[in-house]
Amino acid sequence: MDYSTASTDEIDSVVPDEFGGMWFFRDALDCESLGITLLELEAGGKGKAHDHADEDHEEVYLVVDGELTVELGGGADDPETTETIVAGEAIRVAADTRRQLHNHGDGTVRVVIAGAP
């Protein structure tokens, strides 16, 4: 039997506490292909605009608590659209689609992010 466990208590967040937290579990769990992240965004917080075209991996964002707004697209040939998802809902974003996450709500949003080729 092969398995690993990890906790946010054991992993350093890559964002300052005042913005929430972001914990990358991939290395802590010894994942070979799957990236798994827990993101907490405080009210008014946002992530950086990005895509994963160079890594060729899609991502799924699953909201655990709160409401997440995802801006998608925004390139010259890719008009921007916005999707809002709430706890229990998920969105899949293709590798080459630009995305930016926002918390327009009053409380903290918690999101599990999974990505893989």
PDB file of N, CA and C in Angstrom:
ATOM      1  N   MET A   1       0.850  -1.176   0.000  1.00  0.00           N
ATOM      2  CA  MET A   1       0.000   0.000   0.000  1.00  0.00           C
ATOM      3  C   MET A   1       0.890   1.232   0.000  1.00  0.00           C
ATOM      4  N   ASP A   2       0.571   2.194  -0.876  1.00  0.00           N
ATOM      5  CA  ASP A   2       1.373   3.400  -1.002  1.00  0.00           C
ATOM      6  C   ASP A   2       0.466   4.612  -0.870  1.00  0.00           C
ATOM      7  N   TYR A   3       0.745   5.466   0.100  1.00  0.00           N
ATOM      8  CA  TYR A   3      -0.021   6.700   0.269  1.00  0.00           C
ATOM      9  C   TYR A   3       0.792   7.712   1.045  1.00  0.00           C
ATOM     10  N   SER A   4       0.333   8.969   0.981  1.00  0.00           N
ATOM     11  CA  SER A   4       0.996  10.059   1.682  1.00  0.00           C
ATOM     12  C   SER A   4      -0.061  10.947   2.317  1.00  0.00           C
ATOM     13  N   THR A   5       0.313  11.628   3.388  1.00  0.00           N
ATOM     14  CA  THR A   5      -0.576  12.607   4.007  1.00  0.00           C
ATOM     15  C   THR A   5       0.180  13.925   4.157  1.00  0.00           C
ATOM     16  N   ALA A   6      -0.583  15.022   4.222  1.00  0.00           N
ATOM     17  CA  ALA A   6       0.014  16.343   4.409  1.00  0.00           C
ATOM     18  C   ALA A   6      -1.037  17.263   5.020  1.00  0.00           C
ATOM     19  N   SER A   7      -0.572  18.342   5.618  1.00  0.00           N
ATOM     20  CA  SER A   7      -1.450  19.300   6.285  1.00  0.00           C
ATOM     21  C   SER A   7      -0.927  20.713   6.055  1.00  0.00           C
ATOM     22  N   THR A   8      -1.826  21.685   6.079  1.00  0.00           N
ATOM     23  CA  THR A   8      -1.399  23.079   5.971  1.00  0.00           C
ATOM     24  C   THR A   8      -0.507  23.467   7.146  1.00  0.00           C
ATOM     25  N   ASP A   9      -0.578  22.727   8.243  1.00  0.00           N
ATOM     26  CA  ASP A   9       0.314  22.977   9.377  1.00  0.00           C
ATOM     27  C   ASP A   9       1.764  22.643   9.048  1.00  0.00           C
ATOM     28  N   GLU A  10       1.969  21.800   8.033  1.00  0.00           N
ATOM     29  CA  GLU A  10       3.304  21.334   7.663  1.00  0.00           C
ATOM     30  C   GLU A  10       3.859  22.033   6.415  1.00  0.00           C
ATOM     31  N   ILE A  11       3.011  22.779   5.716  1.00  0.00           N
ATOM     32  CA  ILE A  11       3.385  23.406   4.446  1.00  0.00           C
ATOM     33  C   ILE A  11       3.330  24.919   4.619  1.00  0.00           C
ATOM     34  N   ASP A  12       4.345  25.605   4.136  1.00  0.00           N
ATOM     35  CA  ASP A  12       4.340  27.071   4.200  1.00  0.00           C
ATOM     36  C   ASP A  12       3.452  27.640   3.101  1.00  0.00           C
ATOM     37  N   SER A  13       2.642  28.624   3.464  1.00  0.00           N
ATOM     38  CA  SER A  13       1.835  29.338   2.484  1.00  0.00           C
ATOM     39  C   SER A  13       2.755  30.203   1.622  1.00  0.00           C
ATOM     40  N   VAL A  14       2.391  30.320   0.347  1.00  0.00           N
ATOM     41  CA  VAL A  14       3.209  31.120  -0.570  1.00  0.00           C
ATOM     42  C   VAL A  14       2.685  32.544  -0.722  1.00  0.00           C
ATOM     43  N   VAL A  15       1.620  32.891   0.016  1.00  0.00           N
ATOM     44  CA  VAL A  15       1.114  34.263  -0.001  1.00  0.00           C
ATOM     45  C   VAL A  15       1.034  34.778   1.438  1.00  0.00           C
ATOM     46  N   PRO A  16       1.148  36.084   1.623  1.00  0.00           N
ATOM     47  CA  PRO A  16       1.080  36.659   2.967  1.00  0.00           C
ATOM     48  C   PRO A  16      -0.277  36.416   3.631  1.00  0.00           C
ATOM     49  N   ASP A  17      -0.278  36.264   4.951  1.00  0.00           N
ATOM     50  CA  ASP A  17      -1.489  35.980   5.713  1.00  0.00           C
ATOM     51  C   ASP A  17      -2.610  36.977   5.471  1.00  0.00           C
ATOM     52  N   GLU A  18      -2.278  38.251   5.270  1.00  0.00           N
ATOM     53  CA  GLU A  18      -3.323  39.263   5.111  1.00  0.00           C
ATOM     54  C   GLU A  18      -4.142  39.073   3.832  1.00  0.00           C
ATOM     55  N   PHE A  19      -3.628  38.295   2.877  1.00  0.00           N
ATOM     56  CA  PHE A  19      -4.362  38.042   1.642  1.00  0.00           C
ATOM     57  C   PHE A  19      -5.084  36.699   1.675  1.00  0.00           C
ATOM     58  N   GLY A  20      -4.812  35.897   2.694  1.00  0.00           N
ATOM     59  CA  GLY A  20      -5.396  34.566   2.794  1.00  0.00           C
ATOM     60  C   GLY A  20      -4.289  33.555   2.959  1.00  0.00           C
ATOM     61  N   GLY A  21      -4.230  32.592   2.085  1.00  0.00           N
ATOM     62  CA  GLY A  21      -3.177  31.583   2.127  1.00  0.00           C
ATOM     63  C   GLY A  21      -3.232  30.735   0.874  1.00  0.00           C
ATOM     64  N   MET A  22      -2.095  30.154   0.517  1.00  0.00           N
ATOM     65  CA  MET A  22      -2.021  29.255  -0.631  1.00  0.00           C
ATOM     66  C   MET A  22      -0.981  28.197  -0.326  1.00  0.00           C
ATOM     67  N   TRP A  23      -1.439  26.953  -0.250  1.00  0.00           N
ATOM     68  CA  TRP A  23      -0.579  25.847   0.125  1.00  0.00           C
ATOM     69  C   TRP A  23      -0.516  24.840  -1.016  1.00  0.00           C
ATOM     70  N   PHE A  24       0.699  24.577  -1.516  1.00  0.00           N
ATOM     71  CA  PHE A  24       0.922  23.599  -2.575  1.00  0.00           C
ATOM     72  C   PHE A  24       1.187  22.230  -1.939  1.00  0.00           C
ATOM     73  N   PHE A  25       0.338  21.268  -2.237  1.00  0.00           N
ATOM     74  CA  PHE A  25       0.433  19.937  -1.641  1.00  0.00           C
ATOM     75  C   PHE A  25       1.197  18.935  -2.503  1.00  0.00           C
ATOM     76  N   ARG A  26       1.474  19.278  -3.753  1.00  0.00           N
ATOM     77  CA  ARG A  26       2.072  18.311  -4.683  1.00  0.00           C
ATOM     78  C   ARG A  26       3.344  17.671  -4.130  1.00  0.00           C
ATOM     79  N   ASP A  27       4.315  18.485  -3.748  1.00  0.00           N
ATOM     80  CA  ASP A  27       5.578  17.931  -3.251  1.00  0.00           C
ATOM     81  C   ASP A  27       5.406  17.233  -1.906  1.00  0.00           C
ATOM     82  N   ALA A  28       4.609  17.835  -1.030  1.00  0.00           N
ATOM     83  CA  ALA A  28       4.400  17.244   0.299  1.00  0.00           C
ATOM     84  C   ALA A  28       3.754  15.863   0.214  1.00  0.00           C
ATOM     85  N   LEU A  29       2.949  15.631  -0.822  1.00  0.00           N
ATOM     86  CA  LEU A  29       2.282  14.340  -1.008  1.00  0.00           C
ATOM     87  C   LEU A  29       3.034  13.421  -1.968  1.00  0.00           C
ATOM     88  N   ASP A  30       4.161  13.886  -2.499  1.00  0.00           N
ATOM     89  CA  ASP A  30       4.944  13.120  -3.474  1.00  0.00           C
ATOM     90  C   ASP A  30       4.125  12.754  -4.716  1.00  0.00           C
ATOM     91  N   CYS A  31       3.288  13.678  -5.186  1.00  0.00           N
ATOM     92  CA  CYS A  31       2.495  13.432  -6.385  1.00  0.00           C
ATOM     93  C   CYS A  31       3.399  13.427  -7.609  1.00  0.00           C
ATOM     94  N   GLU A  32       3.138  12.526  -8.540  1.00  0.00           N
ATOM     95  CA  GLU A  32       3.936  12.434  -9.751  1.00  0.00           C
ATOM     96  C   GLU A  32       3.394  13.329 -10.859  1.00  0.00           C
ATOM     97  N   SER A  33       2.071  13.415 -11.016  1.00  0.00           N
ATOM     98  CA  SER A  33       1.471  14.186 -12.104  1.00  0.00           C
ATOM     99  C   SER A  33       0.483  15.238 -11.617  1.00  0.00           C
ATOM    100  N   LEU A  34      -0.217  14.948 -10.563  1.00  0.00           N
ATOM    101  CA  LEU A  34      -1.282  15.814 -10.080  1.00  0.00           C
ATOM    102  C   LEU A  34      -0.752  16.915  -9.179  1.00  0.00           C
ATOM    103  N   GLY A  35      -1.140  18.146  -9.478  1.00  0.00           N
ATOM    104  CA  GLY A  35      -0.877  19.255  -8.564  1.00  0.00           C
ATOM    105  C   GLY A  35      -2.143  19.512  -7.773  1.00  0.00           C
ATOM    106  N   ILE A  36      -2.029  19.712  -6.479  1.00  0.00           N
ATOM    107  CA  ILE A  36      -3.189  19.969  -5.630  1.00  0.00           C
ATOM    108  C   ILE A  36      -2.843  21.116  -4.689  1.00  0.00           C
ATOM    109  N   THR A  37      -3.731  22.108  -4.624  1.00  0.00           N
ATOM    110  CA  THR A  37      -3.472  23.332  -3.880  1.00  0.00           C
ATOM    111  C   THR A  37      -4.717  23.716  -3.104  1.00  0.00           C
ATOM    112  N   LEU A  38      -4.525  24.268  -1.909  1.00  0.00           N
ATOM    113  CA  LEU A  38      -5.613  24.888  -1.166  1.00  0.00           C
ATOM    114  C   LEU A  38      -5.375  26.388  -1.201  1.00  0.00           C
ATOM    115  N   LEU A  39      -6.387  27.132  -1.659  1.00  0.00           N
ATOM    116  CA  LEU A  39      -6.307  28.579  -1.746  1.00  0.00           C
ATOM    117  C   LEU A  39      -7.368  29.197  -0.856  1.00  0.00           C
ATOM    118  N   GLU A  40      -6.960  30.153  -0.033  1.00  0.00           N
ATOM    119  CA  GLU A  40      -7.892  30.969   0.733  1.00  0.00           C
ATOM    120  C   GLU A  40      -7.677  32.415   0.315  1.00  0.00           C
ATOM    121  N   LEU A  41      -8.746  33.062  -0.122  1.00  0.00           N
ATOM    122  CA  LEU A  41      -8.686  34.472  -0.494  1.00  0.00           C
ATOM    123  C   LEU A  41      -9.581  35.262   0.443  1.00  0.00           C
ATOM    124  N   GLU A  42      -9.014  36.272   1.067  1.00  0.00           N
ATOM    125  CA  GLU A  42      -9.804  37.155   1.916  1.00  0.00           C
ATOM    126  C   GLU A  42     -10.717  38.022   1.054  1.00  0.00           C
ATOM    127  N   ALA A  43     -11.732  38.620   1.670  1.00  0.00           N
ATOM    128  CA  ALA A  43     -12.656  39.504   0.957  1.00  0.00           C
ATOM    129  C   ALA A  43     -11.877  40.562   0.188  1.00  0.00           C
ATOM    130  N   GLY A  44     -12.220  40.747  -1.064  1.00  0.00           N
ATOM    131  CA  GLY A  44     -11.535  41.718  -1.906  1.00  0.00           C
ATOM    132  C   GLY A  44     -10.241  41.201  -2.510  1.00  0.00           C
ATOM    133  N   GLY A  45      -9.842  39.990  -2.177  1.00  0.00           N
ATOM    134  CA  GLY A  45      -8.581  39.435  -2.665  1.00  0.00           C
ATOM    135  C   GLY A  45      -8.684  38.909  -4.084  1.00  0.00           C
ATOM    136  N   LYS A  46      -7.526  38.779  -4.726  1.00  0.00           N
ATOM    137  CA  LYS A  46      -7.477  38.217  -6.067  1.00  0.00           C
ATOM    138  C   LYS A  46      -6.149  37.524  -6.290  1.00  0.00           C
ATOM    139  N   GLY A  47      -6.164  36.569  -7.189  1.00  0.00           N
ATOM    140  CA  GLY A  47      -4.945  35.891  -7.600  1.00  0.00           C
ATOM    141  C   GLY A  47      -4.371  36.580  -8.819  1.00  0.00           C
ATOM    142  N   LYS A  48      -3.201  36.127  -9.258  1.00  0.00           N
ATOM    143  CA  LYS A  48      -2.584  36.729 -10.435  1.00  0.00           C
ATOM    144  C   LYS A  48      -3.198  36.135 -11.704  1.00  0.00           C
ATOM    145  N   ALA A  49      -3.284  36.936 -12.730  1.00  0.00           N
ATOM    146  CA  ALA A  49      -3.747  36.457 -14.029  1.00  0.00           C
ATOM    147  C   ALA A  49      -2.666  35.542 -14.610  1.00  0.00           C
ATOM    148  N   HIS A  50      -3.078  34.376 -15.115  1.00  0.00           N
ATOM    149  CA  HIS A  50      -2.100  33.426 -15.634  1.00  0.00           C
ATOM    150  C   HIS A  50      -2.777  32.375 -16.506  1.00  0.00           C
ATOM    151  N   ASP A  51      -1.969  31.599 -17.199  1.00  0.00           N
ATOM    152  CA  ASP A  51      -2.417  30.387 -17.868  1.00  0.00           C
ATOM    153  C   ASP A  51      -1.349  29.326 -17.640  1.00  0.00           C
ATOM    154  N   HIS A  52      -1.604  28.127 -18.133  1.00  0.00           N
ATOM    155  CA  HIS A  52      -0.640  27.037 -17.979  1.00  0.00           C
ATOM    156  C   HIS A  52      -0.318  26.403 -19.331  1.00  0.00           C
ATOM    157  N   ALA A  53      -0.306  27.235 -20.378  1.00  0.00           N
ATOM    158  CA  ALA A  53      -0.030  26.730 -21.722  1.00  0.00           C
ATOM    159  C   ALA A  53       1.353  26.085 -21.805  1.00  0.00           C
ATOM    160  N   ASP A  54       2.352  26.671 -21.144  1.00  0.00           N
ATOM    161  CA  ASP A  54       3.708  26.119 -21.202  1.00  0.00           C
ATOM    162  C   ASP A  54       3.810  24.764 -20.516  1.00  0.00           C
ATOM    163  N   GLU A  55       3.013  24.560 -19.464  1.00  0.00           N
ATOM    164  CA  GLU A  55       3.035  23.280 -18.744  1.00  0.00           C
ATOM    165  C   GLU A  55       2.025  22.290 -19.316  1.00  0.00           C
ATOM    166  N   ASP A  56       1.123  22.794 -20.183  1.00  0.00           N
ATOM    167  CA  ASP A  56       0.078  21.986 -20.804  1.00  0.00           C
ATOM    168  C   ASP A  56      -0.748  21.204 -19.786  1.00  0.00           C
ATOM    169  N   HIS A  57      -1.129  21.888 -18.687  1.00  0.00           N
ATOM    170  CA  HIS A  57      -2.045  21.207 -17.770  1.00  0.00           C
ATOM    171  C   HIS A  57      -3.271  22.051 -17.476  1.00  0.00           C
ATOM    172  N   GLU A  58      -4.396  21.350 -17.466  1.00  0.00           N
ATOM    173  CA  GLU A  58      -5.656  21.986 -17.132  1.00  0.00           C
ATOM    174  C   GLU A  58      -5.785  22.080 -15.618  1.00  0.00           C
ATOM    175  N   GLU A  59      -6.700  22.940 -15.156  1.00  0.00           N
ATOM    176  CA  GLU A  59      -6.958  23.054 -13.727  1.00  0.00           C
ATOM    177  C   GLU A  59      -8.453  22.967 -13.457  1.00  0.00           C
ATOM    178  N   VAL A  60      -8.778  22.430 -12.291  1.00  0.00           N
ATOM    179  CA  VAL A  60     -10.141  22.416 -11.783  1.00  0.00           C
ATOM    180  C   VAL A  60     -10.133  23.172 -10.470  1.00  0.00           C
ATOM    181  N   TYR A  61     -11.080  24.100 -10.338  1.00  0.00           N
ATOM    182  CA  TYR A  61     -11.249  24.884  -9.121  1.00  0.00           C
ATOM    183  C   TYR A  61     -12.549  24.433  -8.466  1.00  0.00           C
ATOM    184  N   LEU A  62     -12.465  23.907  -7.258  1.00  0.00           N
ATOM    185  CA  LEU A  62     -13.623  23.441  -6.500  1.00  0.00           C
ATOM    186  C   LEU A  62     -13.781  24.329  -5.275  1.00  0.00           C
ATOM    187  N   VAL A  63     -14.896  25.068  -5.199  1.00  0.00           N
ATOM    188  CA  VAL A  63     -15.126  25.959  -4.070  1.00  0.00           C
ATOM    189  C   VAL A  63     -15.626  25.150  -2.886  1.00  0.00           C
ATOM    190  N   VAL A  64     -14.936  25.282  -1.757  1.00  0.00           N
ATOM    191  CA  VAL A  64     -15.306  24.599  -0.524  1.00  0.00           C
ATOM    192  C   VAL A  64     -16.168  25.506   0.350  1.00  0.00           C
ATOM    193  N   ASP A  65     -15.786  26.777   0.469  1.00  0.00           N
ATOM    194  CA  ASP A  65     -16.532  27.780   1.233  1.00  0.00           C
ATOM    195  C   ASP A  65     -16.507  29.093   0.469  1.00  0.00           C
ATOM    196  N   GLY A  66     -17.634  29.806   0.468  1.00  0.00           N
ATOM    197  CA  GLY A  66     -17.687  31.134  -0.114  1.00  0.00           C
ATOM    198  C   GLY A  66     -18.084  31.135  -1.571  1.00  0.00           C
ATOM    199  N   GLU A  67     -17.716  32.216  -2.254  1.00  0.00           N
ATOM    200  CA  GLU A  67     -18.076  32.438  -3.650  1.00  0.00           C
ATOM    201  C   GLU A  67     -16.839  32.925  -4.394  1.00  0.00           C
ATOM    202  N   LEU A  68     -16.528  32.293  -5.511  1.00  0.00           N
ATOM    203  CA  LEU A  68     -15.345  32.608  -6.298  1.00  0.00           C
ATOM    204  C   LEU A  68     -15.762  33.134  -7.666  1.00  0.00           C
ATOM    205  N   THR A  69     -15.175  34.246  -8.062  1.00  0.00           N
ATOM    206  CA  THR A  69     -15.375  34.780  -9.402  1.00  0.00           C
ATOM    207  C   THR A  69     -14.118  34.489 -10.208  1.00  0.00           C
ATOM    208  N   VAL A  70     -14.297  33.909 -11.388  1.00  0.00           N
ATOM    209  CA  VAL A  70     -13.182  33.543 -12.257  1.00  0.00           C
ATOM    210  C   VAL A  70     -13.316  34.328 -13.552  1.00  0.00           C
ATOM    211  N   GLU A  71     -12.339  35.194 -13.818  1.00  0.00           N
ATOM    212  CA  GLU A  71     -12.279  35.888 -15.098  1.00  0.00           C
ATOM    213  C   GLU A  71     -11.500  34.993 -16.056  1.00  0.00           C
ATOM    214  N   LEU A  72     -12.083  34.742 -17.226  1.00  0.00           N
ATOM    215  CA  LEU A  72     -11.502  33.822 -18.203  1.00  0.00           C
ATOM    216  C   LEU A  72     -11.253  34.549 -19.509  1.00  0.00           C
ATOM    217  N   GLY A  73     -10.134  34.238 -20.160  1.00  0.00           N
ATOM    218  CA  GLY A  73      -9.810  34.842 -21.441  1.00  0.00           C
ATOM    219  C   GLY A  73      -9.172  36.203 -21.264  1.00  0.00           C
ATOM    220  N   GLY A  74      -9.418  37.057 -22.223  1.00  0.00           N
ATOM    221  CA  GLY A  74      -8.876  38.403 -22.145  1.00  0.00           C
ATOM    222  C   GLY A  74      -7.778  38.684 -23.136  1.00  0.00           C
ATOM    223  N   GLY A  75      -7.409  37.704 -23.955  1.00  0.00           N
ATOM    224  CA  GLY A  75      -6.405  37.943 -24.984  1.00  0.00           C
ATOM    225  C   GLY A  75      -7.038  38.564 -26.219  1.00  0.00           C
ATOM    226  N   ALA A  76      -6.217  38.914 -27.194  1.00  0.00           N
ATOM    227  CA  ALA A  76      -6.689  39.569 -28.419  1.00  0.00           C
ATOM    228  C   ALA A  76      -7.725  38.720 -29.155  1.00  0.00           C
ATOM    229  N   ASP A  77      -7.502  37.417 -29.230  1.00  0.00           N
ATOM    230  CA  ASP A  77      -8.433  36.519 -29.924  1.00  0.00           C
ATOM    231  C   ASP A  77      -9.329  35.761 -28.956  1.00  0.00           C
ATOM    232  N   ASP A  78      -9.358  36.185 -27.695  1.00  0.00           N
ATOM    233  CA  ASP A  78     -10.042  35.439 -26.651  1.00  0.00           C
ATOM    234  C   ASP A  78     -10.790  36.412 -25.738  1.00  0.00           C
ATOM    235  N   PRO A  79     -12.020  36.798 -26.102  1.00  0.00           N
ATOM    236  CA  PRO A  79     -12.738  37.784 -25.290  1.00  0.00           C
ATOM    237  C   PRO A  79     -12.957  37.289 -23.866  1.00  0.00           C
ATOM    238  N   GLU A  80     -12.939  38.222 -22.927  1.00  0.00           N
ATOM    239  CA  GLU A  80     -13.059  37.878 -21.514  1.00  0.00           C
ATOM    240  C   GLU A  80     -14.503  37.541 -21.148  1.00  0.00           C
ATOM    241  N   THR A  81     -14.652  36.530 -20.301  1.00  0.00           N
ATOM    242  CA  THR A  81     -15.938  36.165 -19.728  1.00  0.00           C
ATOM    243  C   THR A  81     -15.731  35.941 -18.239  1.00  0.00           C
ATOM    244  N   THR A  82     -16.797  36.014 -17.476  1.00  0.00           N
ATOM    245  CA  THR A  82     -16.711  35.842 -16.032  1.00  0.00           C
ATOM    246  C   THR A  82     -17.677  34.763 -15.593  1.00  0.00           C
ATOM    247  N   GLU A  83     -17.201  33.870 -14.733  1.00  0.00           N
ATOM    248  CA  GLU A  83     -18.036  32.838 -14.122  1.00  0.00           C
ATOM    249  C   GLU A  83     -17.930  32.983 -12.610  1.00  0.00           C
ATOM    250  N   THR A  84     -19.041  32.830 -11.924  1.00  0.00           N
ATOM    251  CA  THR A  84     -19.050  32.854 -10.467  1.00  0.00           C
ATOM    252  C   THR A  84     -19.568  31.510  -9.984  1.00  0.00           C
ATOM    253  N   ILE A  85     -18.802  30.883  -9.084  1.00  0.00           N
ATOM    254  CA  ILE A  85     -19.197  29.586  -8.541  1.00  0.00           C
ATOM    255  C   ILE A  85     -19.192  29.660  -7.022  1.00  0.00           C
ATOM    256  N   VAL A  86     -20.029  28.839  -6.408  1.00  0.00           N
ATOM    257  CA  VAL A  86     -20.192  28.842  -4.958  1.00  0.00           C
ATOM    258  C   VAL A  86     -19.828  27.473  -4.392  1.00  0.00           C
ATOM    259  N   ALA A  87     -19.845  27.367  -3.072  1.00  0.00           N
ATOM    260  CA  ALA A  87     -19.483  26.120  -2.382  1.00  0.00           C
ATOM    261  C   ALA A  87     -20.207  24.924  -3.007  1.00  0.00           C
ATOM    262  N   GLY A  88     -19.430  23.893  -3.301  1.00  0.00           N
ATOM    263  CA  GLY A  88     -19.964  22.684  -3.911  1.00  0.00           C
ATOM    264  C   GLY A  88     -19.943  22.703  -5.423  1.00  0.00           C
ATOM    265  N   GLU A  89     -19.517  23.809  -6.031  1.00  0.00           N
ATOM    266  CA  GLU A  89     -19.432  23.903  -7.482  1.00  0.00           C
ATOM    267  C   GLU A  89     -17.967  23.946  -7.919  1.00  0.00           C
ATOM    268  N   ALA A  90     -17.739  23.530  -9.164  1.00  0.00           N
ATOM    269  CA  ALA A  90     -16.378  23.495  -9.706  1.00  0.00           C
ATOM    270  C   ALA A  90     -16.381  24.010 -11.137  1.00  0.00           C
ATOM    271  N   ILE A  91     -15.214  24.447 -11.571  1.00  0.00           N
ATOM    272  CA  ILE A  91     -15.010  24.876 -12.954  1.00  0.00           C
ATOM    273  C   ILE A  91     -13.671  24.299 -13.428  1.00  0.00           C
ATOM    274  N   ARG A  92     -13.668  23.786 -14.679  1.00  0.00           N
ATOM    275  CA  ARG A  92     -12.429  23.309 -15.299  1.00  0.00           C
ATOM    276  C   ARG A  92     -11.974  24.358 -16.292  1.00  0.00           C
ATOM    277  N   VAL A  93     -10.668  24.654 -16.293  1.00  0.00           N
ATOM    278  CA  VAL A  93     -10.109  25.654 -17.196  1.00  0.00           C
ATOM    279  C   VAL A  93      -8.984  24.998 -17.995  1.00  0.00           C
ATOM    280  N   ALA A  94      -9.059  25.110 -19.316  1.00  0.00           N
ATOM    281  CA  ALA A  94      -8.044  24.530 -20.197  1.00  0.00           C
ATOM    282  C   ALA A  94      -6.686  25.208 -19.981  1.00  0.00           C
ATOM    283  N   ALA A  95      -5.634  24.489 -20.315  1.00  0.00           N
ATOM    284  CA  ALA A  95      -4.269  24.960 -20.076  1.00  0.00           C
ATOM    285  C   ALA A  95      -3.990  26.323 -20.706  1.00  0.00           C
ATOM    286  N   ASP A  96      -4.482  26.541 -21.923  1.00  0.00           N
ATOM    287  CA  ASP A  96      -4.144  27.773 -22.639  1.00  0.00           C
ATOM    288  C   ASP A  96      -5.128  28.919 -22.389  1.00  0.00           C
ATOM    289  N   THR A  97      -6.074  28.729 -21.494  1.00  0.00           N
ATOM    290  CA  THR A  97      -7.032  29.790 -21.171  1.00  0.00           C
ATOM    291  C   THR A  97      -6.512  30.632 -20.017  1.00  0.00           C
ATOM    292  N   ARG A  98      -6.411  31.936 -20.249  1.00  0.00           N
ATOM    293  CA  ARG A  98      -5.988  32.853 -19.195  1.00  0.00           C
ATOM    294  C   ARG A  98      -7.087  32.908 -18.147  1.00  0.00           C
ATOM    295  N   ARG A  99      -6.677  32.938 -16.849  1.00  0.00           N
ATOM    296  CA  ARG A  99      -7.647  33.011 -15.772  1.00  0.00           C
ATOM    297  C   ARG A  99      -7.122  33.874 -14.638  1.00  0.00           C
ATOM    298  N   GLN A 100      -8.058  34.495 -13.912  1.00  0.00           N
ATOM    299  CA  GLN A 100      -7.727  35.240 -12.704  1.00  0.00           C
ATOM    300  C   GLN A 100      -8.869  35.035 -11.722  1.00  0.00           C
ATOM    301  N   LEU A 101      -8.517  34.726 -10.476  1.00  0.00           N
ATOM    302  CA  LEU A 101      -9.491  34.435  -9.428  1.00  0.00           C
ATOM    303  C   LEU A 101      -9.725  35.661  -8.568  1.00  0.00           C
ATOM    304  N   HIS A 102     -10.984  35.879  -8.195  1.00  0.00           N
ATOM    305  CA  HIS A 102     -11.354  37.032  -7.368  1.00  0.00           C
ATOM    306  C   HIS A 102     -12.315  36.608  -6.266  1.00  0.00           C
ATOM    307  N   ASN A 103     -12.212  37.248  -5.119  1.00  0.00           N
ATOM    308  CA  ASN A 103     -13.198  37.114  -4.053  1.00  0.00           C
ATOM    309  C   ASN A 103     -13.876  38.469  -3.900  1.00  0.00           C
ATOM    310  N   HIS A 104     -15.061  38.596  -4.490  1.00  0.00           N
ATOM    311  CA  HIS A 104     -15.823  39.832  -4.396  1.00  0.00           C
ATOM    312  C   HIS A 104     -16.769  39.811  -3.199  1.00  0.00           C
ATOM    313  N   GLY A 105     -16.768  38.712  -2.426  1.00  0.00           N
ATOM    314  CA  GLY A 105     -17.667  38.578  -1.292  1.00  0.00           C
ATOM    315  C   GLY A 105     -17.147  39.255  -0.039  1.00  0.00           C
ATOM    316  N   ASP A 106     -17.909  39.097   1.047  1.00  0.00           N
ATOM    317  CA  ASP A 106     -17.560  39.703   2.330  1.00  0.00           C
ATOM    318  C   ASP A 106     -16.696  38.810   3.214  1.00  0.00           C
ATOM    319  N   GLY A 107     -16.703  37.502   2.949  1.00  0.00           N
ATOM    320  CA  GLY A 107     -15.935  36.570   3.780  1.00  0.00           C
ATOM    321  C   GLY A 107     -14.839  35.897   2.982  1.00  0.00           C
ATOM    322  N   THR A 108     -14.131  35.004   3.632  1.00  0.00           N
ATOM    323  CA  THR A 108     -13.053  34.245   2.994  1.00  0.00           C
ATOM    324  C   THR A 108     -13.626  33.193   2.055  1.00  0.00           C
ATOM    325  N   VAL A 109     -13.010  33.018   0.903  1.00  0.00           N
ATOM    326  CA  VAL A 109     -13.348  31.941  -0.001  1.00  0.00           C
ATOM    327  C   VAL A 109     -12.239  30.887   0.084  1.00  0.00           C
ATOM    328  N   ARG A 110     -12.634  29.609   0.151  1.00  0.00           N
ATOM    329  CA  ARG A 110     -11.673  28.497   0.181  1.00  0.00           C
ATOM    330  C   ARG A 110     -11.893  27.648  -1.065  1.00  0.00           C
ATOM    331  N   VAL A 111     -10.797  27.398  -1.785  1.00  0.00           N
ATOM    332  CA  VAL A 111     -10.868  26.719  -3.063  1.00  0.00           C
ATOM    333  C   VAL A 111      -9.800  25.630  -3.124  1.00  0.00           C
ATOM    334  N   VAL A 112     -10.197  24.438  -3.544  1.00  0.00           N
ATOM    335  CA  VAL A 112      -9.240  23.376  -3.828  1.00  0.00           C
ATOM    336  C   VAL A 112      -8.966  23.416  -5.323  1.00  0.00           C
ATOM    337  N   ILE A 113      -7.684  23.455  -5.680  1.00  0.00           N
ATOM    338  CA  ILE A 113      -7.272  23.532  -7.072  1.00  0.00           C
ATOM    339  C   ILE A 113      -6.513  22.254  -7.413  1.00  0.00           C
ATOM    340  N   ALA A 114      -6.956  21.576  -8.475  1.00  0.00           N
ATOM    341  CA  ALA A 114      -6.269  20.380  -8.948  1.00  0.00           C
ATOM    342  C   ALA A 114      -5.839  20.631 -10.381  1.00  0.00           C
ATOM    343  N   GLY A 115      -4.597  20.278 -10.707  1.00  0.00           N
ATOM    344  CA  GLY A 115      -4.098  20.466 -12.066  1.00  0.00           C
ATOM    345  C   GLY A 115      -3.217  19.303 -12.482  1.00  0.00           C
ATOM    346  N   ALA A 116      -3.317  18.960 -13.755  1.00  0.00           N
ATOM    347  CA  ALA A 116      -2.500  17.857 -14.284  1.00  0.00           C
ATOM    348  C   ALA A 116      -2.495  17.950 -15.804  1.00  0.00           C
ATOM    349  N   PRO A 117      -1.439  17.355 -16.417  1.00  0.00           N
ATOM    350  CA  PRO A 117      -1.434  17.299 -17.876  1.00  0.00           C
ATOM    351  C   PRO A 117      -2.576  16.424 -18.390  1.00  0.00           C
TER     352      PRO A 117
END
